[in-house]
Structure formats: C-alpha cells, structure tokens
Amino acid sequence: MSGRKKPVAERQGNGYVKQGIALDDDSISKIAEEVRRSNQGHTRRQNVAEVLFRDILTVRGDLQAHHKILYVLLVFFGMVLVWYGVWGIVAVFPVLKNPVVAFFTGVAVLFFTGTFYRRL
C-alpha cells in the first residue's frame, strides 16, 4: 500500500459532512517545516526592503551633506518633471484648456484643501 492516507469524513453538528485528510506525525512535521521555511523567505524579503530603504536614505544624506549642488539640481529636476507631468495631465481635459476655467478650478482646489486661506 502506498504512503498516502485515505480521505476521512467527519460529521459536524449541523449535519454537513466535512472532507479532510488524516495526517500522521511525519506529515505534520513536514508541513510545519515548510511553513517555517516560507516565513523565513518572507522575513528575508522584508529585510531586503529595509536594507534598500536604509541605503537610499544613506545616499540621500551623503548627497545633502557633501554634494549640495548635485542634490539641489536633482531636486530641481524632480520638481520640473512633476510639473511637466501635471501640465500633461491637465492638457488631457479639454475644459481646463481655457485659462479662466483653469484659474478658477485651481482656486477652488486650494480653497477646499485649506491651502488658499492658510497661505494668504
């Protein structure tokens, strides 16, 4: 006979039959080992993300401290790219191509976010 166990049926209180597999101690220990191995892989991936984040913060700190001009240029370049992206998104909406509508939409957004009256 093979090492496989036959399915076992258990009757529950509500009358339904639940199908399961009978497991011996060896099978349970193999499953537990696989779960431990899976959890170790998850922890390893989490540690890789933490190390990567820490390295990024280290590089940013070095740029801020030792390469100030390069850091300022990178920040400026990032801001220009964000502005260019927003400009492109606004161009998709035909109603916002009218400068008056765009102006009042911007004022409304600033007003509803609270930035308009906080800054003025």
PDB file of N, CA and C in Angstrom:
ATOM      1  N   MET A   1       0.837  -1.180   0.000  1.00  0.00           N
ATOM      2  CA  MET A   1       0.000   0.000   0.000  1.00  0.00           C
ATOM      3  C   MET A   1       0.882   1.244   0.000  1.00  0.00           C
ATOM      4  N   SER A   2       0.469   2.273  -0.713  1.00  0.00           N
ATOM      5  CA  SER A   2       1.266   3.499  -0.783  1.00  0.00           C
ATOM      6  C   SER A   2       1.177   4.254   0.535  1.00  0.00           C
ATOM      7  N   GLY A   3       2.047   5.260   0.702  1.00  0.00           N
ATOM      8  CA  GLY A   3       2.111   6.031   1.931  1.00  0.00           C
ATOM      9  C   GLY A   3       1.009   7.068   2.057  1.00  0.00           C
ATOM     10  N   ARG A   4       0.103   7.147   1.081  1.00  0.00           N
ATOM     11  CA  ARG A   4      -0.957   8.152   1.123  1.00  0.00           C
ATOM     12  C   ARG A   4      -2.073   7.693   2.047  1.00  0.00           C
ATOM     13  N   LYS A   5      -2.663   8.641   2.738  1.00  0.00           N
ATOM     14  CA  LYS A   5      -3.783   8.365   3.632  1.00  0.00           C
ATOM     15  C   LYS A   5      -5.081   8.560   2.877  1.00  0.00           C
ATOM     16  N   LYS A   6      -6.086   7.780   3.226  1.00  0.00           N
ATOM     17  CA  LYS A   6      -7.394   7.913   2.597  1.00  0.00           C
ATOM     18  C   LYS A   6      -8.131   9.089   3.220  1.00  0.00           C
ATOM     19  N   PRO A   7      -8.980   9.792   2.418  1.00  0.00           N
ATOM     20  CA  PRO A   7      -9.772  10.882   2.984  1.00  0.00           C
ATOM     21  C   PRO A   7     -10.682  10.385   4.091  1.00  0.00           C
ATOM     22  N   VAL A   8     -10.843  11.206   5.096  1.00  0.00           N
ATOM     23  CA  VAL A   8     -11.687  10.877   6.239  1.00  0.00           C
ATOM     24  C   VAL A   8     -12.855  11.838   6.259  1.00  0.00           C
ATOM     25  N   ALA A   9     -14.049  11.332   6.477  1.00  0.00           N
ATOM     26  CA  ALA A   9     -15.237  12.181   6.552  1.00  0.00           C
ATOM     27  C   ALA A   9     -15.628  12.352   8.007  1.00  0.00           C
ATOM     28  N   GLU A  10     -15.909  13.575   8.411  1.00  0.00           N
ATOM     29  CA  GLU A  10     -16.341  13.855   9.780  1.00  0.00           C
ATOM     30  C   GLU A  10     -17.711  14.510   9.725  1.00  0.00           C
ATOM     31  N   ARG A  11     -18.604  14.069  10.585  1.00  0.00           N
ATOM     32  CA  ARG A  11     -19.923  14.668  10.640  1.00  0.00           C
ATOM     33  C   ARG A  11     -19.892  15.774  11.684  1.00  0.00           C
ATOM     34  N   GLN A  12     -20.351  16.959  11.258  1.00  0.00           N
ATOM     35  CA  GLN A  12     -20.390  18.083  12.168  1.00  0.00           C
ATOM     36  C   GLN A  12     -21.788  18.211  12.746  1.00  0.00           C
ATOM     37  N   GLY A  13     -21.924  19.094  13.719  1.00  0.00           N
ATOM     38  CA  GLY A  13     -23.188  19.257  14.435  1.00  0.00           C
ATOM     39  C   GLY A  13     -24.357  19.655  13.551  1.00  0.00           C
ATOM     40  N   ASN A  14     -24.132  20.381  12.471  1.00  0.00           N
ATOM     41  CA  ASN A  14     -25.232  20.840  11.636  1.00  0.00           C
ATOM     42  C   ASN A  14     -25.609  19.834  10.564  1.00  0.00           C
ATOM     43  N   GLY A  15     -24.981  18.665  10.548  1.00  0.00           N
ATOM     44  CA  GLY A  15     -25.363  17.629   9.619  1.00  0.00           C
ATOM     45  C   GLY A  15     -24.549  17.598   8.345  1.00  0.00           C
ATOM     46  N   TYR A  16     -23.699  18.578   8.114  1.00  0.00           N
ATOM     47  CA  TYR A  16     -22.879  18.592   6.901  1.00  0.00           C
ATOM     48  C   TYR A  16     -21.675  17.685   7.094  1.00  0.00           C
ATOM     49  N   VAL A  17     -21.186  17.158   5.997  1.00  0.00           N
ATOM     50  CA  VAL A  17     -20.017  16.292   6.053  1.00  0.00           C
ATOM     51  C   VAL A  17     -18.815  17.094   5.569  1.00  0.00           C
ATOM     52  N   LYS A  18     -17.760  17.098   6.361  1.00  0.00           N
ATOM     53  CA  LYS A  18     -16.531  17.820   6.011  1.00  0.00           C
ATOM     54  C   LYS A  18     -15.484  16.798   5.596  1.00  0.00           C
ATOM     55  N   GLN A  19     -14.876  17.005   4.436  1.00  0.00           N
ATOM     56  CA  GLN A  19     -13.844  16.101   3.946  1.00  0.00           C
ATOM     57  C   GLN A  19     -12.490  16.585   4.444  1.00  0.00           C
ATOM     58  N   GLY A  20     -11.662  15.685   4.896  1.00  0.00           N
ATOM     59  CA  GLY A  20     -10.327  16.038   5.355  1.00  0.00           C
ATOM     60  C   GLY A  20      -9.365  14.925   5.022  1.00  0.00           C
ATOM     61  N   ILE A  21      -8.117  15.089   5.370  1.00  0.00           N
ATOM     62  CA  ILE A  21      -7.105  14.073   5.133  1.00  0.00           C
ATOM     63  C   ILE A  21      -6.482  13.746   6.472  1.00  0.00           C
ATOM     64  N   ALA A  22      -6.384  12.474   6.772  1.00  0.00           N
ATOM     65  CA  ALA A  22      -5.755  12.047   8.012  1.00  0.00           C
ATOM     66  C   ALA A  22      -4.246  12.225   7.867  1.00  0.00           C
ATOM     67  N   LEU A  23      -3.626  12.845   8.855  1.00  0.00           N
ATOM     68  CA  LEU A  23      -2.192  13.111   8.809  1.00  0.00           C
ATOM     69  C   LEU A  23      -1.497  12.400   9.956  1.00  0.00           C
ATOM     70  N   ASP A  24      -0.356  11.855   9.663  1.00  0.00           N
ATOM     71  CA  ASP A  24       0.444  11.263  10.730  1.00  0.00           C
ATOM     72  C   ASP A  24       1.459  12.301  11.213  1.00  0.00           C
ATOM     73  N   ASP A  25       2.246  11.965  12.231  1.00  0.00           N
ATOM     74  CA  ASP A  25       3.195  12.909  12.822  1.00  0.00           C
ATOM     75  C   ASP A  25       4.263  13.354  11.818  1.00  0.00           C
ATOM     76  N   ASP A  26       4.701  12.427  10.966  1.00  0.00           N
ATOM     77  CA  ASP A  26       5.722  12.765   9.975  1.00  0.00           C
ATOM     78  C   ASP A  26       5.199  13.819   8.989  1.00  0.00           C
ATOM     79  N   SER A  27       3.956  13.665   8.546  1.00  0.00           N
ATOM     80  CA  SER A  27       3.362  14.631   7.614  1.00  0.00           C
ATOM     81  C   SER A  27       3.198  15.993   8.274  1.00  0.00           C
ATOM     82  N   ILE A  28       2.780  16.003   9.520  1.00  0.00           N
ATOM     83  CA  ILE A  28       2.601  17.265  10.245  1.00  0.00           C
ATOM     84  C   ILE A  28       3.933  17.982  10.405  1.00  0.00           C
ATOM     85  N   SER A  29       5.000  17.239  10.716  1.00  0.00           N
ATOM     86  CA  SER A  29       6.306  17.877  10.880  1.00  0.00           C
ATOM     87  C   SER A  29       6.822  18.408   9.541  1.00  0.00           C
ATOM     88  N   LYS A  30       6.538  17.719   8.424  1.00  0.00           N
ATOM     89  CA  LYS A  30       6.943  18.221   7.105  1.00  0.00           C
ATOM     90  C   LYS A  30       6.195  19.513   6.773  1.00  0.00           C
ATOM     91  N   ILE A  31       4.910  19.559   7.087  1.00  0.00           N
ATOM     92  CA  ILE A  31       4.121  20.770   6.833  1.00  0.00           C
ATOM     93  C   ILE A  31       4.627  21.918   7.693  1.00  0.00           C
ATOM     94  N   ALA A  32       4.913  21.638   8.962  1.00  0.00           N
ATOM     95  CA  ALA A  32       5.412  22.679   9.860  1.00  0.00           C
ATOM     96  C   ALA A  32       6.757  23.218   9.366  1.00  0.00           C
ATOM     97  N   GLU A  33       7.622  22.337   8.869  1.00  0.00           N
ATOM     98  CA  GLU A  33       8.918  22.770   8.343  1.00  0.00           C
ATOM     99  C   GLU A  33       8.741  23.650   7.109  1.00  0.00           C
ATOM    100  N   GLU A  34       7.788  23.295   6.238  1.00  0.00           N
ATOM    101  CA  GLU A  34       7.517  24.100   5.043  1.00  0.00           C
ATOM    102  C   GLU A  34       6.984  25.478   5.430  1.00  0.00           C
ATOM    103  N   VAL A  35       6.127  25.558   6.440  1.00  0.00           N
ATOM    104  CA  VAL A  35       5.602  26.841   6.911  1.00  0.00           C
ATOM    105  C   VAL A  35       6.735  27.691   7.475  1.00  0.00           C
ATOM    106  N   ARG A  36       7.634  27.083   8.247  1.00  0.00           N
ATOM    107  CA  ARG A  36       8.781  27.824   8.791  1.00  0.00           C
ATOM    108  C   ARG A  36       9.660  28.352   7.667  1.00  0.00           C
ATOM    109  N   ARG A  37       9.916  27.518   6.652  1.00  0.00           N
ATOM    110  CA  ARG A  37      10.736  27.937   5.523  1.00  0.00           C
ATOM    111  C   ARG A  37      10.076  29.091   4.769  1.00  0.00           C
ATOM    112  N   SER A  38       8.762  29.017   4.612  1.00  0.00           N
ATOM    113  CA  SER A  38       8.033  30.082   3.933  1.00  0.00           C
ATOM    114  C   SER A  38       8.125  31.391   4.723  1.00  0.00           C
ATOM    115  N   ASN A  39       7.984  31.311   6.031  1.00  0.00           N
ATOM    116  CA  ASN A  39       8.083  32.507   6.874  1.00  0.00           C
ATOM    117  C   ASN A  39       9.486  33.102   6.842  1.00  0.00           C
ATOM    118  N   GLN A  40      10.513  32.268   6.753  1.00  0.00           N
ATOM    119  CA  GLN A  40      11.878  32.777   6.661  1.00  0.00           C
ATOM    120  C   GLN A  40      12.084  33.546   5.365  1.00  0.00           C
ATOM    121  N   GLY A  41      11.496  33.048   4.262  1.00  0.00           N
ATOM    122  CA  GLY A  41      11.595  33.749   2.984  1.00  0.00           C
ATOM    123  C   GLY A  41      10.931  35.100   3.047  1.00  0.00           C
ATOM    124  N   HIS A  42       9.777  35.178   3.723  1.00  0.00           N
ATOM    125  CA  HIS A  42       9.076  36.465   3.873  1.00  0.00           C
ATOM    126  C   HIS A  42       9.922  37.427   4.691  1.00  0.00           C
ATOM    127  N   THR A  43      10.521  36.942   5.757  1.00  0.00           N
ATOM    128  CA  THR A  43      11.371  37.790   6.598  1.00  0.00           C
ATOM    129  C   THR A  43      12.580  38.266   5.800  1.00  0.00           C
ATOM    130  N   ARG A  44      13.144  37.399   4.972  1.00  0.00           N
ATOM    131  CA  ARG A  44      14.300  37.774   4.162  1.00  0.00           C
ATOM    132  C   ARG A  44      13.927  38.873   3.172  1.00  0.00           C
ATOM    133  N   ARG A  45      12.748  38.763   2.523  1.00  0.00           N
ATOM    134  CA  ARG A  45      12.317  39.800   1.594  1.00  0.00           C
ATOM    135  C   ARG A  45      12.087  41.108   2.332  1.00  0.00           C
ATOM    136  N   GLN A  46      11.521  41.033   3.527  1.00  0.00           N
ATOM    137  CA  GLN A  46      11.287  42.239   4.309  1.00  0.00           C
ATOM    138  C   GLN A  46      12.626  42.878   4.680  1.00  0.00           C
ATOM    139  N   ASN A  47      13.608  42.069   5.034  1.00  0.00           N
ATOM    140  CA  ASN A  47      14.916  42.604   5.378  1.00  0.00           C
ATOM    141  C   ASN A  47      15.580  43.260   4.174  1.00  0.00           C
ATOM    142  N   VAL A  48      15.379  42.701   2.976  1.00  0.00           N
ATOM    143  CA  VAL A  48      15.940  43.301   1.768  1.00  0.00           C
ATOM    144  C   VAL A  48      15.337  44.679   1.550  1.00  0.00           C
ATOM    145  N   ALA A  49      14.023  44.816   1.759  1.00  0.00           N
ATOM    146  CA  ALA A  49      13.374  46.117   1.604  1.00  0.00           C
ATOM    147  C   ALA A  49      13.908  47.112   2.627  1.00  0.00           C
ATOM    148  N   GLU A  50      14.101  46.661   3.858  1.00  0.00           N
ATOM    149  CA  GLU A  50      14.636  47.555   4.894  1.00  0.00           C
ATOM    150  C   GLU A  50      16.054  47.999   4.552  1.00  0.00           C
ATOM    151  N   VAL A  51      16.878  47.072   4.066  1.00  0.00           N
ATOM    152  CA  VAL A  51      18.258  47.410   3.700  1.00  0.00           C
ATOM    153  C   VAL A  51      18.261  48.380   2.537  1.00  0.00           C
ATOM    154  N   LEU A  52      17.412  48.147   1.539  1.00  0.00           N
ATOM    155  CA  LEU A  52      17.335  49.043   0.393  1.00  0.00           C
ATOM    156  C   LEU A  52      16.899  50.440   0.818  1.00  0.00           C
ATOM    157  N   PHE A  53      15.890  50.533   1.673  1.00  0.00           N
ATOM    158  CA  PHE A  53      15.416  51.828   2.158  1.00  0.00           C
ATOM    159  C   PHE A  53      16.513  52.540   2.943  1.00  0.00           C
ATOM    160  N   ARG A  54      17.218  51.795   3.775  1.00  0.00           N
ATOM    161  CA  ARG A  54      18.313  52.384   4.563  1.00  0.00           C
ATOM    162  C   ARG A  54      19.426  52.889   3.649  1.00  0.00           C
ATOM    163  N   ASP A  55      19.737  52.127   2.588  1.00  0.00           N
ATOM    164  CA  ASP A  55      20.769  52.554   1.643  1.00  0.00           C
ATOM    165  C   ASP A  55      20.350  53.828   0.903  1.00  0.00           C
ATOM    166  N   ILE A  56      19.085  53.907   0.532  1.00  0.00           N
ATOM    167  CA  ILE A  56      18.596  55.110  -0.149  1.00  0.00           C
ATOM    168  C   ILE A  56      18.714  56.318   0.767  1.00  0.00           C
ATOM    169  N   LEU A  57      18.345  56.140   2.041  1.00  0.00           N
ATOM    170  CA  LEU A  57      18.468  57.248   2.986  1.00  0.00           C
ATOM    171  C   LEU A  57      19.924  57.651   3.195  1.00  0.00           C
ATOM    172  N   THR A  58      20.829  56.679   3.180  1.00  0.00           N
ATOM    173  CA  THR A  58      22.255  56.973   3.340  1.00  0.00           C
ATOM    174  C   THR A  58      22.775  57.779   2.153  1.00  0.00           C
ATOM    175  N   VAL A  59      22.411  57.355   0.942  1.00  0.00           N
ATOM    176  CA  VAL A  59      22.855  58.079  -0.252  1.00  0.00           C
ATOM    177  C   VAL A  59      22.284  59.492  -0.246  1.00  0.00           C
ATOM    178  N   ARG A  60      21.006  59.629   0.133  1.00  0.00           N
ATOM    179  CA  ARG A  60      20.406  60.963   0.183  1.00  0.00           C
ATOM    180  C   ARG A  60      21.115  61.846   1.206  1.00  0.00           C
ATOM    181  N   GLY A  61      21.425  61.288   2.353  1.00  0.00           N
ATOM    182  CA  GLY A  61      22.145  62.057   3.370  1.00  0.00           C
ATOM    183  C   GLY A  61      23.523  62.479   2.906  1.00  0.00           C
ATOM    184  N   ASP A  62      24.227  61.574   2.207  1.00  0.00           N
ATOM    185  CA  ASP A  62      25.543  61.925   1.669  1.00  0.00           C
ATOM    186  C   ASP A  62      25.437  63.033   0.624  1.00  0.00           C
ATOM    187  N   LEU A  63      24.421  62.945  -0.244  1.00  0.00           N
ATOM    188  CA  LEU A  63      24.230  63.994  -1.250  1.00  0.00           C
ATOM    189  C   LEU A  63      23.949  65.336  -0.583  1.00  0.00           C
ATOM    190  N   GLN A  64      23.097  65.328   0.433  1.00  0.00           N
ATOM    191  CA  GLN A  64      22.759  66.577   1.125  1.00  0.00           C
ATOM    192  C   GLN A  64      23.981  67.177   1.816  1.00  0.00           C
ATOM    193  N   ALA A  65      24.815  66.323   2.390  1.00  0.00           N
ATOM    194  CA  ALA A  65      25.931  66.828   3.181  1.00  0.00           C
ATOM    195  C   ALA A  65      27.149  67.193   2.331  1.00  0.00           C
ATOM    196  N   HIS A  66      27.467  66.372   1.328  1.00  0.00           N
ATOM    197  CA  HIS A  66      28.735  66.531   0.635  1.00  0.00           C
ATOM    198  C   HIS A  66      28.617  67.039  -0.798  1.00  0.00           C
ATOM    199  N   HIS A  67      27.487  66.838  -1.420  1.00  0.00           N
ATOM    200  CA  HIS A  67      27.318  67.227  -2.819  1.00  0.00           C
ATOM    201  C   HIS A  67      26.070  68.102  -2.937  1.00  0.00           C
ATOM    202  N   LYS A  68      26.132  69.238  -2.306  1.00  0.00           N
ATOM    203  CA  LYS A  68      24.964  70.114  -2.208  1.00  0.00           C
ATOM    204  C   LYS A  68      24.448  70.576  -3.574  1.00  0.00           C
ATOM    205  N   ILE A  69      25.329  70.933  -4.476  1.00  0.00           N
ATOM    206  CA  ILE A  69      24.908  71.419  -5.792  1.00  0.00           C
ATOM    207  C   ILE A  69      24.226  70.303  -6.580  1.00  0.00           C
ATOM    208  N   LEU A  70      24.804  69.099  -6.547  1.00  0.00           N
ATOM    209  CA  LEU A  70      24.190  67.966  -7.236  1.00  0.00           C
ATOM    210  C   LEU A  70      22.818  67.644  -6.637  1.00  0.00           C
ATOM    211  N   TYR A  71      22.721  67.712  -5.311  1.00  0.00           N
ATOM    212  CA  TYR A  71      21.439  67.454  -4.643  1.00  0.00           C
ATOM    213  C   TYR A  71      20.388  68.480  -5.061  1.00  0.00           C
ATOM    214  N   VAL A  72      20.756  69.751  -5.081  1.00  0.00           N
ATOM    215  CA  VAL A  72      19.820  70.800  -5.483  1.00  0.00           C
ATOM    216  C   VAL A  72      19.392  70.603  -6.933  1.00  0.00           C
ATOM    217  N   LEU A  73      20.333  70.240  -7.804  1.00  0.00           N
ATOM    218  CA  LEU A  73      19.986  70.003  -9.208  1.00  0.00           C
ATOM    219  C   LEU A  73      19.034  68.813  -9.360  1.00  0.00           C
ATOM    220  N   LEU A  74      19.255  67.761  -8.577  1.00  0.00           N
ATOM    221  CA  LEU A  74      18.359  66.603  -8.637  1.00  0.00           C
ATOM    222  C   LEU A  74      16.960  66.952  -8.136  1.00  0.00           C
ATOM    223  N   VAL A  75      16.886  67.716  -7.055  1.00  0.00           N
ATOM    224  CA  VAL A  75      15.580  68.143  -6.540  1.00  0.00           C
ATOM    225  C   VAL A  75      14.879  69.016  -7.565  1.00  0.00           C
ATOM    226  N   PHE A  76      15.600  69.945  -8.168  1.00  0.00           N
ATOM    227  CA  PHE A  76      15.022  70.816  -9.187  1.00  0.00           C
ATOM    228  C   PHE A  76      14.523  69.996 -10.374  1.00  0.00           C
ATOM    229  N   PHE A  77      15.335  69.042 -10.830  1.00  0.00           N
ATOM    230  CA  PHE A  77      14.950  68.184 -11.944  1.00  0.00           C
ATOM    231  C   PHE A  77      13.685  67.395 -11.608  1.00  0.00           C
ATOM    232  N   GLY A  78      13.601  66.885 -10.383  1.00  0.00           N
ATOM    233  CA  GLY A  78      12.404  66.173  -9.961  1.00  0.00           C
ATOM    234  C   GLY A  78      11.175  67.060  -9.958  1.00  0.00           C
ATOM    235  N   MET A  79      11.336  68.289  -9.488  1.00  0.00           N
ATOM    236  CA  MET A  79      10.206  69.223  -9.466  1.00  0.00           C
ATOM    237  C   MET A  79       9.764  69.581 -10.884  1.00  0.00           C
ATOM    238  N   VAL A  80      10.712  69.766 -11.794  1.00  0.00           N
ATOM    239  CA  VAL A  80      10.369  70.074 -13.188  1.00  0.00           C
ATOM    240  C   VAL A  80       9.613  68.905 -13.809  1.00  0.00           C
ATOM    241  N   LEU A  81      10.038  67.669 -13.524  1.00  0.00           N
ATOM    242  CA  LEU A  81       9.350  66.502 -14.070  1.00  0.00           C
ATOM    243  C   LEU A  81       7.928  66.385 -13.524  1.00  0.00           C
ATOM    244  N   VAL A  82       7.749  66.677 -12.231  1.00  0.00           N
ATOM    245  CA  VAL A  82       6.402  66.650 -11.663  1.00  0.00           C
ATOM    246  C   VAL A  82       5.537  67.717 -12.333  1.00  0.00           C
ATOM    247  N   TRP A  83       6.070  68.910 -12.493  1.00  0.00           N
ATOM    248  CA  TRP A  83       5.317  69.991 -13.140  1.00  0.00           C
ATOM    249  C   TRP A  83       4.956  69.622 -14.573  1.00  0.00           C
ATOM    250  N   TYR A  84       5.914  69.024 -15.295  1.00  0.00           N
ATOM    251  CA  TYR A  84       5.676  68.604 -16.678  1.00  0.00           C
ATOM    252  C   TYR A  84       4.572  67.537 -16.729  1.00  0.00           C
ATOM    253  N   GLY A  85       4.599  66.615 -15.785  1.00  0.00           N
ATOM    254  CA  GLY A  85       3.566  65.582 -15.734  1.00  0.00           C
ATOM    255  C   GLY A  85       2.197  66.158 -15.448  1.00  0.00           C
ATOM    256  N   VAL A  86       2.118  67.088 -14.502  1.00  0.00           N
ATOM    257  CA  VAL A  86       0.839  67.729 -14.188  1.00  0.00           C
ATOM    258  C   VAL A  86       0.354  68.528 -15.390  1.00  0.00           C
ATOM    259  N   TRP A  87       1.269  69.222 -16.053  1.00  0.00           N
ATOM    260  CA  TRP A  87       0.917  70.003 -17.236  1.00  0.00           C
ATOM    261  C   TRP A  87       0.317  69.089 -18.310  1.00  0.00           C
ATOM    262  N   GLY A  88       0.911  67.913 -18.490  1.00  0.00           N
ATOM    263  CA  GLY A  88       0.409  66.953 -19.472  1.00  0.00           C
ATOM    264  C   GLY A  88      -0.947  66.382 -19.083  1.00  0.00           C
ATOM    265  N   ILE A  89      -1.155  66.140 -17.797  1.00  0.00           N
ATOM    266  CA  ILE A  89      -2.444  65.615 -17.343  1.00  0.00           C
ATOM    267  C   ILE A  89      -3.536  66.657 -17.536  1.00  0.00           C
ATOM    268  N   VAL A  90      -3.233  67.903 -17.219  1.00  0.00           N
ATOM    269  CA  VAL A  90      -4.221  68.976 -17.388  1.00  0.00           C
ATOM    270  C   VAL A  90      -4.566  69.140 -18.864  1.00  0.00           C
ATOM    271  N   ALA A  91      -3.596  68.941 -19.745  1.00  0.00           N
ATOM    272  CA  ALA A  91      -3.853  69.097 -21.178  1.00  0.00           C
ATOM    273  C   ALA A  91      -4.824  68.047 -21.706  1.00  0.00           C
ATOM    274  N   VAL A  92      -4.992  66.952 -20.983  1.00  0.00           N
ATOM    275  CA  VAL A  92      -5.903  65.892 -21.415  1.00  0.00           C
ATOM    276  C   VAL A  92      -7.357  66.341 -21.288  1.00  0.00           C
ATOM    277  N   PHE A  93      -7.660  67.181 -20.309  1.00  0.00           N
ATOM    278  CA  PHE A  93      -9.028  67.643 -20.069  1.00  0.00           C
ATOM    279  C   PHE A  93      -9.289  68.914 -20.884  1.00  0.00           C
ATOM    280  N   PRO A  94     -10.159  68.822 -21.877  1.00  0.00           N
ATOM    281  CA  PRO A  94     -10.375  69.980 -22.759  1.00  0.00           C
ATOM    282  C   PRO A  94     -10.957  71.195 -22.033  1.00  0.00           C
ATOM    283  N   VAL A  95     -11.743  70.977 -20.979  1.00  0.00           N
ATOM    284  CA  VAL A  95     -12.348  72.112 -20.281  1.00  0.00           C
ATOM    285  C   VAL A  95     -11.292  72.954 -19.575  1.00  0.00           C
ATOM    286  N   LEU A  96     -10.181  72.336 -19.187  1.00  0.00           N
ATOM    287  CA  LEU A  96      -9.128  73.065 -18.476  1.00  0.00           C
ATOM    288  C   LEU A  96      -8.161  73.782 -19.422  1.00  0.00           C
ATOM    289  N   LYS A  97      -8.371  73.664 -20.725  1.00  0.00           N
ATOM    290  CA  LYS A  97      -7.523  74.394 -21.677  1.00  0.00           C
ATOM    291  C   LYS A  97      -7.856  75.878 -21.693  1.00  0.00           C
ATOM    292  N   ASN A  98      -9.023  76.227 -21.219  1.00  0.00           N
ATOM    293  CA  ASN A  98      -9.406  77.631 -21.086  1.00  0.00           C
ATOM    294  C   ASN A  98      -8.728  78.179 -19.826  1.00  0.00           C
ATOM    295  N   PRO A  99      -7.887  79.216 -19.929  1.00  0.00           N
ATOM    296  CA  PRO A  99      -7.141  79.713 -18.768  1.00  0.00           C
ATOM    297  C   PRO A  99      -8.027  80.206 -17.631  1.00  0.00           C
ATOM    298  N   VAL A 100      -9.173  80.788 -17.956  1.00  0.00           N
ATOM    299  CA  VAL A 100     -10.068  81.291 -16.902  1.00  0.00           C
ATOM    300  C   VAL A 100     -10.633  80.121 -16.104  1.00  0.00           C
ATOM    301  N   VAL A 101     -11.068  79.090 -16.799  1.00  0.00           N
ATOM    302  CA  VAL A 101     -11.600  77.905 -16.121  1.00  0.00           C
ATOM    303  C   VAL A 101     -10.506  77.239 -15.290  1.00  0.00           C
ATOM    304  N   ALA A 102      -9.302  77.152 -15.846  1.00  0.00           N
ATOM    305  CA  ALA A 102      -8.180  76.556 -15.121  1.00  0.00           C
ATOM    306  C   ALA A 102      -7.862  77.360 -13.859  1.00  0.00           C
ATOM    307  N   PHE A 103      -7.879  78.685 -13.974  1.00  0.00           N
ATOM    308  CA  PHE A 103      -7.597  79.537 -12.817  1.00  0.00           C
ATOM    309  C   PHE A 103      -8.622  79.302 -11.702  1.00  0.00           C
ATOM    310  N   PHE A 104      -9.900  79.335 -12.044  1.00  0.00           N
ATOM    311  CA  PHE A 104     -10.928  79.162 -11.009  1.00  0.00           C
ATOM    312  C   PHE A 104     -10.958  77.742 -10.460  1.00  0.00           C
ATOM    313  N   THR A 105     -10.617  76.768 -11.278  1.00  0.00           N
ATOM    314  CA  THR A 105     -10.509  75.389 -10.781  1.00  0.00           C
ATOM    315  C   THR A 105      -9.359  75.287  -9.779  1.00  0.00           C
ATOM    316  N   GLY A 106      -8.229  75.908 -10.089  1.00  0.00           N
ATOM    317  CA  GLY A 106      -7.092  75.909  -9.163  1.00  0.00           C
ATOM    318  C   GLY A 106      -7.412  76.613  -7.864  1.00  0.00           C
ATOM    319  N   VAL A 107      -8.108  77.760  -7.941  1.00  0.00           N
ATOM    320  CA  VAL A 107      -8.507  78.480  -6.730  1.00  0.00           C
ATOM    321  C   VAL A 107      -9.458  77.615  -5.904  1.00  0.00           C
ATOM    322  N   ALA A 108     -10.381  76.920  -6.577  1.00  0.00           N
ATOM    323  CA  ALA A 108     -11.330  76.056  -5.858  1.00  0.00           C
ATOM    324  C   ALA A 108     -10.599  74.913  -5.161  1.00  0.00           C
ATOM    325  N   VAL A 109      -9.645  74.307  -5.834  1.00  0.00           N
ATOM    326  CA  VAL A 109      -8.876  73.216  -5.222  1.00  0.00           C
ATOM    327  C   VAL A 109      -8.116  73.731  -4.007  1.00  0.00           C
ATOM    328  N   LEU A 110      -7.452  74.876  -4.132  1.00  0.00           N
ATOM    329  CA  LEU A 110      -6.721  75.447  -2.996  1.00  0.00           C
ATOM    330  C   LEU A 110      -7.656  75.829  -1.864  1.00  0.00           C
ATOM    331  N   PHE A 111      -8.832  76.329  -2.189  1.00  0.00           N
ATOM    332  CA  PHE A 111      -9.796  76.715  -1.166  1.00  0.00           C
ATOM    333  C   PHE A 111     -10.290  75.499  -0.393  1.00  0.00           C
ATOM    334  N   PHE A 112     -10.673  74.439  -1.119  1.00  0.00           N
ATOM    335  CA  PHE A 112     -11.234  73.253  -0.460  1.00  0.00           C
ATOM    336  C   PHE A 112     -10.190  72.451   0.302  1.00  0.00           C
ATOM    337  N   THR A 113      -8.933  72.548  -0.076  1.00  0.00           N
ATOM    338  CA  THR A 113      -7.892  71.852   0.686  1.00  0.00           C
ATOM    339  C   THR A 113      -7.416  72.677   1.873  1.00  0.00           C
ATOM    340  N   GLY A 114      -7.837  73.944   1.955  1.00  0.00           N
ATOM    341  CA  GLY A 114      -7.445  74.792   3.061  1.00  0.00           C
ATOM    342  C   GLY A 114      -6.152  75.536   2.820  1.00  0.00           C
ATOM    343  N   THR A 115      -5.499  75.276   1.716  1.00  0.00           N
ATOM    344  CA  THR A 115      -4.222  75.929   1.426  1.00  0.00           C
ATOM    345  C   THR A 115      -4.404  77.384   1.032  1.00  0.00           C
ATOM    346  N   PHE A 116      -5.505  77.698   0.400  1.00  0.00           N
ATOM    347  CA  PHE A 116      -5.722  79.037  -0.121  1.00  0.00           C
ATOM    348  C   PHE A 116      -5.734  80.070   1.016  1.00  0.00           C
ATOM    349  N   TYR A 117      -6.537  79.842   2.032  1.00  0.00           N
ATOM    350  CA  TYR A 117      -6.639  80.828   3.092  1.00  0.00           C
ATOM    351  C   TYR A 117      -5.575  80.659   4.161  1.00  0.00           C
ATOM    352  N   ARG A 118      -4.887  79.555   4.200  1.00  0.00           N
ATOM    353  CA  ARG A 118      -3.784  79.383   5.128  1.00  0.00           C
ATOM    354  C   ARG A 118      -2.556  80.130   4.638  1.00  0.00           C
ATOM    355  N   ARG A 119      -2.364  80.177   3.329  1.00  0.00           N
ATOM    356  CA  ARG A 119      -1.173  80.789   2.742  1.00  0.00           C
ATOM    357  C   ARG A 119      -1.341  82.303   2.534  1.00  0.00           C
ATOM    358  N   LEU A 120      -2.572  82.778   2.373  1.00  0.00           N
ATOM    359  CA  LEU A 120      -2.774  84.199   2.072  1.00  0.00           C
ATOM    360  C   LEU A 120      -2.890  85.026   3.300  1.00  0.00           C
TER     361      LEU A 120
END
